[in-house]
């Protein structure tokens, strides 16, 4: 199997924990991690790490800064695959990764048990694979359920 460049992106907290549960699937690939908390690089056992600004839809200027930071990292790393558990930085990584031709995988957080996250709903248009961790939220047109990471 050819080594791929894999970009793994998640906000801090539960998103980060869930993404890290997928590490065995990333084995053998060149990894770059993006999250919203400086200092998480000490938790990264393989690959490199970049912290981006944390922002939400209520902080439009901050969201723009985050988008530009993620776009820059995607341009520099040129991933073959982008995997994310959300939220905003994951959406931007999916968007910019797809524009550059990467395969993109959105795994909506397990915390979204009753409905998909806002970023998850937006990722639908950009993700190669659009997944939920709740079988009740799966639909034929997506998101699809193939299991949970917790």
C-alpha atoms as a PDB file:
ATOM      1  CA  UNK A   1       0.000   0.000   0.000  1.00  0.00           C
ATOM      2  CA  UNK A   2       1.347   3.411  -0.996  1.00  0.00           C
ATOM      3  CA  UNK A   3       1.897   5.838   1.862  1.00  0.00           C
ATOM      4  CA  UNK A   4      -0.589   8.696   1.667  1.00  0.00           C
ATOM      5  CA  UNK A   5      -0.489  12.169   3.166  1.00  0.00           C
ATOM      6  CA  UNK A   6      -3.328  12.251   5.665  1.00  0.00           C
ATOM      7  CA  UNK A   7      -4.590  15.444   7.290  1.00  0.00           C
ATOM      8  CA  UNK A   8      -6.416  14.765  10.586  1.00  0.00           C
ATOM      9  CA  UNK A   9      -8.457  17.723  11.867  1.00  0.00           C
ATOM     10  CA  UNK A  10     -10.587  18.270  14.968  1.00  0.00           C
ATOM     11  CA  UNK A  11     -11.565  20.938  17.432  1.00  0.00           C
ATOM     12  CA  UNK A  12     -10.422  20.366  21.003  1.00  0.00           C
ATOM     13  CA  UNK A  13     -12.306  18.268  23.534  1.00  0.00           C
ATOM     14  CA  UNK A  14     -14.544  15.426  22.385  1.00  0.00           C
ATOM     15  CA  UNK A  15     -13.836  16.022  18.707  1.00  0.00           C
ATOM     16  CA  UNK A  16     -10.105  15.552  19.377  1.00  0.00           C
ATOM     17  CA  UNK A  17     -10.660  12.445  21.513  1.00  0.00           C
ATOM     18  CA  UNK A  18     -12.804  10.815  18.822  1.00  0.00           C
ATOM     19  CA  UNK A  19     -10.287  11.592  16.076  1.00  0.00           C
ATOM     20  CA  UNK A  20      -7.515  10.073  18.164  1.00  0.00           C
ATOM     21  CA  UNK A  21      -9.537   6.871  18.508  1.00  0.00           C
ATOM     22  CA  UNK A  22      -9.018   6.440  14.761  1.00  0.00           C
ATOM     23  CA  UNK A  23      -5.205   6.430  14.966  1.00  0.00           C
ATOM     24  CA  UNK A  24      -4.876   2.704  14.134  1.00  0.00           C
ATOM     25  CA  UNK A  25      -6.521   3.411  10.754  1.00  0.00           C
ATOM     26  CA  UNK A  26      -3.876   6.063  10.034  1.00  0.00           C
ATOM     27  CA  UNK A  27      -0.912   3.733  10.548  1.00  0.00           C
ATOM     28  CA  UNK A  28       1.585   3.723   7.711  1.00  0.00           C
ATOM     29  CA  UNK A  29       0.600   7.139   6.413  1.00  0.00           C
ATOM     30  CA  UNK A  30       2.299  10.514   6.687  1.00  0.00           C
ATOM     31  CA  UNK A  31       0.206  12.539   9.160  1.00  0.00           C
ATOM     32  CA  UNK A  32      -0.382  16.175   9.864  1.00  0.00           C
ATOM     33  CA  UNK A  33      -2.771  17.154  12.665  1.00  0.00           C
ATOM     34  CA  UNK A  34      -4.730  20.398  13.047  1.00  0.00           C
ATOM     35  CA  UNK A  35      -6.626  21.456  16.153  1.00  0.00           C
ATOM     36  CA  UNK A  36      -7.652  24.582  18.001  1.00  0.00           C
ATOM     37  CA  UNK A  37      -5.519  24.205  21.133  1.00  0.00           C
ATOM     38  CA  UNK A  38      -1.827  25.076  21.151  1.00  0.00           C
ATOM     39  CA  UNK A  39       0.014  22.486  23.174  1.00  0.00           C
ATOM     40  CA  UNK A  40      -1.813  19.463  21.782  1.00  0.00           C
ATOM     41  CA  UNK A  41       1.318  18.685  19.790  1.00  0.00           C
ATOM     42  CA  UNK A  42       2.595  17.011  22.967  1.00  0.00           C
ATOM     43  CA  UNK A  43      -0.286  14.522  22.534  1.00  0.00           C
ATOM     44  CA  UNK A  44       0.616  13.742  18.909  1.00  0.00           C
ATOM     45  CA  UNK A  45       2.700  10.569  18.792  1.00  0.00           C
ATOM     46  CA  UNK A  46       3.172  10.476  15.041  1.00  0.00           C
ATOM     47  CA  UNK A  47       3.190  13.255  12.503  1.00  0.00           C
ATOM     48  CA  UNK A  48       3.319  17.010  12.773  1.00  0.00           C
ATOM     49  CA  UNK A  49       0.857  19.439  14.357  1.00  0.00           C
ATOM     50  CA  UNK A  50      -0.552  22.912  13.724  1.00  0.00           C
ATOM     51  CA  UNK A  51      -2.808  24.901  16.046  1.00  0.00           C
ATOM     52  CA  UNK A  52      -5.344  27.245  14.451  1.00  0.00           C
ATOM     53  CA  UNK A  53      -7.552  29.881  15.979  1.00  0.00           C
ATOM     54  CA  UNK A  54     -10.689  28.649  17.709  1.00  0.00           C
ATOM     55  CA  UNK A  55     -13.854  30.377  16.507  1.00  0.00           C
ATOM     56  CA  UNK A  56     -17.537  29.783  15.978  1.00  0.00           C
ATOM     57  CA  UNK A  57     -20.284  31.148  13.754  1.00  0.00           C
ATOM     58  CA  UNK A  58     -20.822  33.922  16.326  1.00  0.00           C
ATOM     59  CA  UNK A  59     -17.255  35.154  15.741  1.00  0.00           C
ATOM     60  CA  UNK A  60     -17.169  35.896  12.011  1.00  0.00           C
ATOM     61  CA  UNK A  61     -13.741  37.627  12.007  1.00  0.00           C
ATOM     62  CA  UNK A  62     -12.279  34.742  14.007  1.00  0.00           C
ATOM     63  CA  UNK A  63     -13.882  32.235  11.643  1.00  0.00           C
ATOM     64  CA  UNK A  64     -12.272  33.998   8.697  1.00  0.00           C
ATOM     65  CA  UNK A  65      -8.855  33.868  10.385  1.00  0.00           C
ATOM     66  CA  UNK A  66      -9.367  30.155  11.125  1.00  0.00           C
ATOM     67  CA  UNK A  67     -10.415  29.467   7.523  1.00  0.00           C
ATOM     68  CA  UNK A  68      -7.303  31.195   6.197  1.00  0.00           C
ATOM     69  CA  UNK A  69      -5.055  29.311   8.622  1.00  0.00           C
ATOM     70  CA  UNK A  70      -6.574  25.965   7.621  1.00  0.00           C
ATOM     71  CA  UNK A  71      -6.421  26.846   3.918  1.00  0.00           C
ATOM     72  CA  UNK A  72      -2.728  27.715   4.236  1.00  0.00           C
ATOM     73  CA  UNK A  73      -1.947  24.438   6.012  1.00  0.00           C
ATOM     74  CA  UNK A  74      -3.896  22.438   3.404  1.00  0.00           C
ATOM     75  CA  UNK A  75      -2.001  24.204   0.619  1.00  0.00           C
ATOM     76  CA  UNK A  76       1.360  23.498   2.265  1.00  0.00           C
ATOM     77  CA  UNK A  77       0.663  19.858   3.152  1.00  0.00           C
ATOM     78  CA  UNK A  78      -1.339  18.924   0.023  1.00  0.00           C
ATOM     79  CA  UNK A  79      -3.090  15.938   1.628  1.00  0.00           C
ATOM     80  CA  UNK A  80      -4.302  12.897  -0.269  1.00  0.00           C
ATOM     81  CA  UNK A  81      -6.936  12.357   2.422  1.00  0.00           C
ATOM     82  CA  UNK A  82      -8.607  14.660   4.972  1.00  0.00           C
ATOM     83  CA  UNK A  83     -10.310  13.066   7.985  1.00  0.00           C
ATOM     84  CA  UNK A  84     -12.229  15.086  10.547  1.00  0.00           C
ATOM     85  CA  UNK A  85     -14.627  14.715  13.448  1.00  0.00           C
ATOM     86  CA  UNK A  86     -15.465  18.431  13.285  1.00  0.00           C
ATOM     87  CA  UNK A  87     -16.206  21.156  13.999  1.00  0.00           C
ATOM     88  CA  UNK A  88     -15.351  24.423  12.159  1.00  0.00           C
ATOM     89  CA  UNK A  89     -11.673  23.661  11.407  1.00  0.00           C
ATOM     90  CA  UNK A  90     -12.749  20.266  10.110  1.00  0.00           C
ATOM     91  CA  UNK A  91     -15.304  21.825   7.805  1.00  0.00           C
ATOM     92  CA  UNK A  92     -12.707  24.178   6.332  1.00  0.00           C
ATOM     93  CA  UNK A  93     -10.213  21.318   5.920  1.00  0.00           C
ATOM     94  CA  UNK A  94     -12.859  19.281   4.061  1.00  0.00           C
ATOM     95  CA  UNK A  95     -13.701  22.259   1.851  1.00  0.00           C
ATOM     96  CA  UNK A  96     -10.129  23.199   0.932  1.00  0.00           C
ATOM     97  CA  UNK A  97      -8.953  19.592   0.743  1.00  0.00           C
ATOM     98  CA  UNK A  98     -11.704  18.698  -1.699  1.00  0.00           C
ATOM     99  CA  UNK A  99     -10.911  21.751  -3.834  1.00  0.00           C
ATOM    100  CA  UNK A 100      -7.361  20.400  -4.126  1.00  0.00           C
ATOM    101  CA  UNK A 101      -8.586  16.937  -5.082  1.00  0.00           C
ATOM    102  CA  UNK A 102      -8.178  15.124  -1.761  1.00  0.00           C
ATOM    103  CA  UNK A 103     -10.527  12.383  -0.616  1.00  0.00           C
ATOM    104  CA  UNK A 104     -12.430  13.774   2.365  1.00  0.00           C
ATOM    105  CA  UNK A 105     -14.077  11.994   5.290  1.00  0.00           C
ATOM    106  CA  UNK A 106     -16.452  13.745   7.696  1.00  0.00           C
ATOM    107  CA  UNK A 107     -17.340  11.783  10.840  1.00  0.00           C
ATOM    108  CA  UNK A 108     -19.942  13.760  12.779  1.00  0.00           C
ATOM    109  CA  UNK A 109     -19.298  13.824  16.517  1.00  0.00           C
ATOM    110  CA  UNK A 110     -20.966  11.177  18.661  1.00  0.00           C
ATOM    111  CA  UNK A 111     -22.316  14.088  20.738  1.00  0.00           C
ATOM    112  CA  UNK A 112     -24.736  14.878  17.914  1.00  0.00           C
ATOM    113  CA  UNK A 113     -27.223  12.134  18.762  1.00  0.00           C
ATOM    114  CA  UNK A 114     -30.453  13.864  17.748  1.00  0.00           C
ATOM    115  CA  UNK A 115     -29.345  15.837  14.715  1.00  0.00           C
ATOM    116  CA  UNK A 116     -26.194  16.507  12.736  1.00  0.00           C
ATOM    117  CA  UNK A 117     -24.003  19.422  13.698  1.00  0.00           C
ATOM    118  CA  UNK A 118     -24.193  22.625  11.658  1.00  0.00           C
ATOM    119  CA  UNK A 119     -20.697  21.995  10.295  1.00  0.00           C
ATOM    120  CA  UNK A 120     -21.680  18.392   9.578  1.00  0.00           C
ATOM    121  CA  UNK A 121     -24.693  19.488   7.556  1.00  0.00           C
ATOM    122  CA  UNK A 122     -22.509  21.886   5.572  1.00  0.00           C
ATOM    123  CA  UNK A 123     -19.820  19.217   5.044  1.00  0.00           C
ATOM    124  CA  UNK A 124     -22.355  17.106   3.158  1.00  0.00           C
ATOM    125  CA  UNK A 125     -21.644  19.115   0.000  1.00  0.00           C
ATOM    126  CA  UNK A 126     -17.879  18.666   0.202  1.00  0.00           C
ATOM    127  CA  UNK A 127     -17.171  15.328   1.888  1.00  0.00           C
ATOM    128  CA  UNK A 128     -16.348  12.296  -0.223  1.00  0.00           C
ATOM    129  CA  UNK A 129     -17.608  10.179   2.691  1.00  0.00           C
ATOM    130  CA  UNK A 130     -20.197  11.751   5.018  1.00  0.00           C
ATOM    131  CA  UNK A 131     -20.685   9.716   8.189  1.00  0.00           C
ATOM    132  CA  UNK A 132     -22.690   9.755  11.415  1.00  0.00           C
ATOM    133  CA  UNK A 133     -21.982   7.731  14.542  1.00  0.00           C
ATOM    134  CA  UNK A 134     -25.692   7.174  15.189  1.00  0.00           C
ATOM    135  CA  UNK A 135     -27.651   4.626  13.106  1.00  0.00           C
ATOM    136  CA  UNK A 136     -30.828   6.643  13.766  1.00  0.00           C
ATOM    137  CA  UNK A 137     -29.409   9.614  11.846  1.00  0.00           C
ATOM    138  CA  UNK A 138     -28.282   7.610   8.821  1.00  0.00           C
ATOM    139  CA  UNK A 139     -30.154   8.088   5.541  1.00  0.00           C
ATOM    140  CA  UNK A 140     -29.823   6.457   2.139  1.00  0.00           C
ATOM    141  CA  UNK A 141     -28.521   9.745   0.680  1.00  0.00           C
ATOM    142  CA  UNK A 142     -26.254  10.262   3.737  1.00  0.00           C
ATOM    143  CA  UNK A 143     -24.929  10.613   6.220  1.00  0.00           C
ATOM    144  CA  UNK A 144     -24.067   6.945   6.393  1.00  0.00           C
ATOM    145  CA  UNK A 145     -23.524   4.864   9.498  1.00  0.00           C
ATOM    146  CA  UNK A 146     -20.652   2.354   9.553  1.00  0.00           C
ATOM    147  CA  UNK A 147     -20.011   2.345  13.305  1.00  0.00           C
ATOM    148  CA  UNK A 148     -18.917   4.517  16.193  1.00  0.00           C
ATOM    149  CA  UNK A 149     -15.417   5.451  17.312  1.00  0.00           C
ATOM    150  CA  UNK A 150     -16.357   5.388  21.014  1.00  0.00           C
END
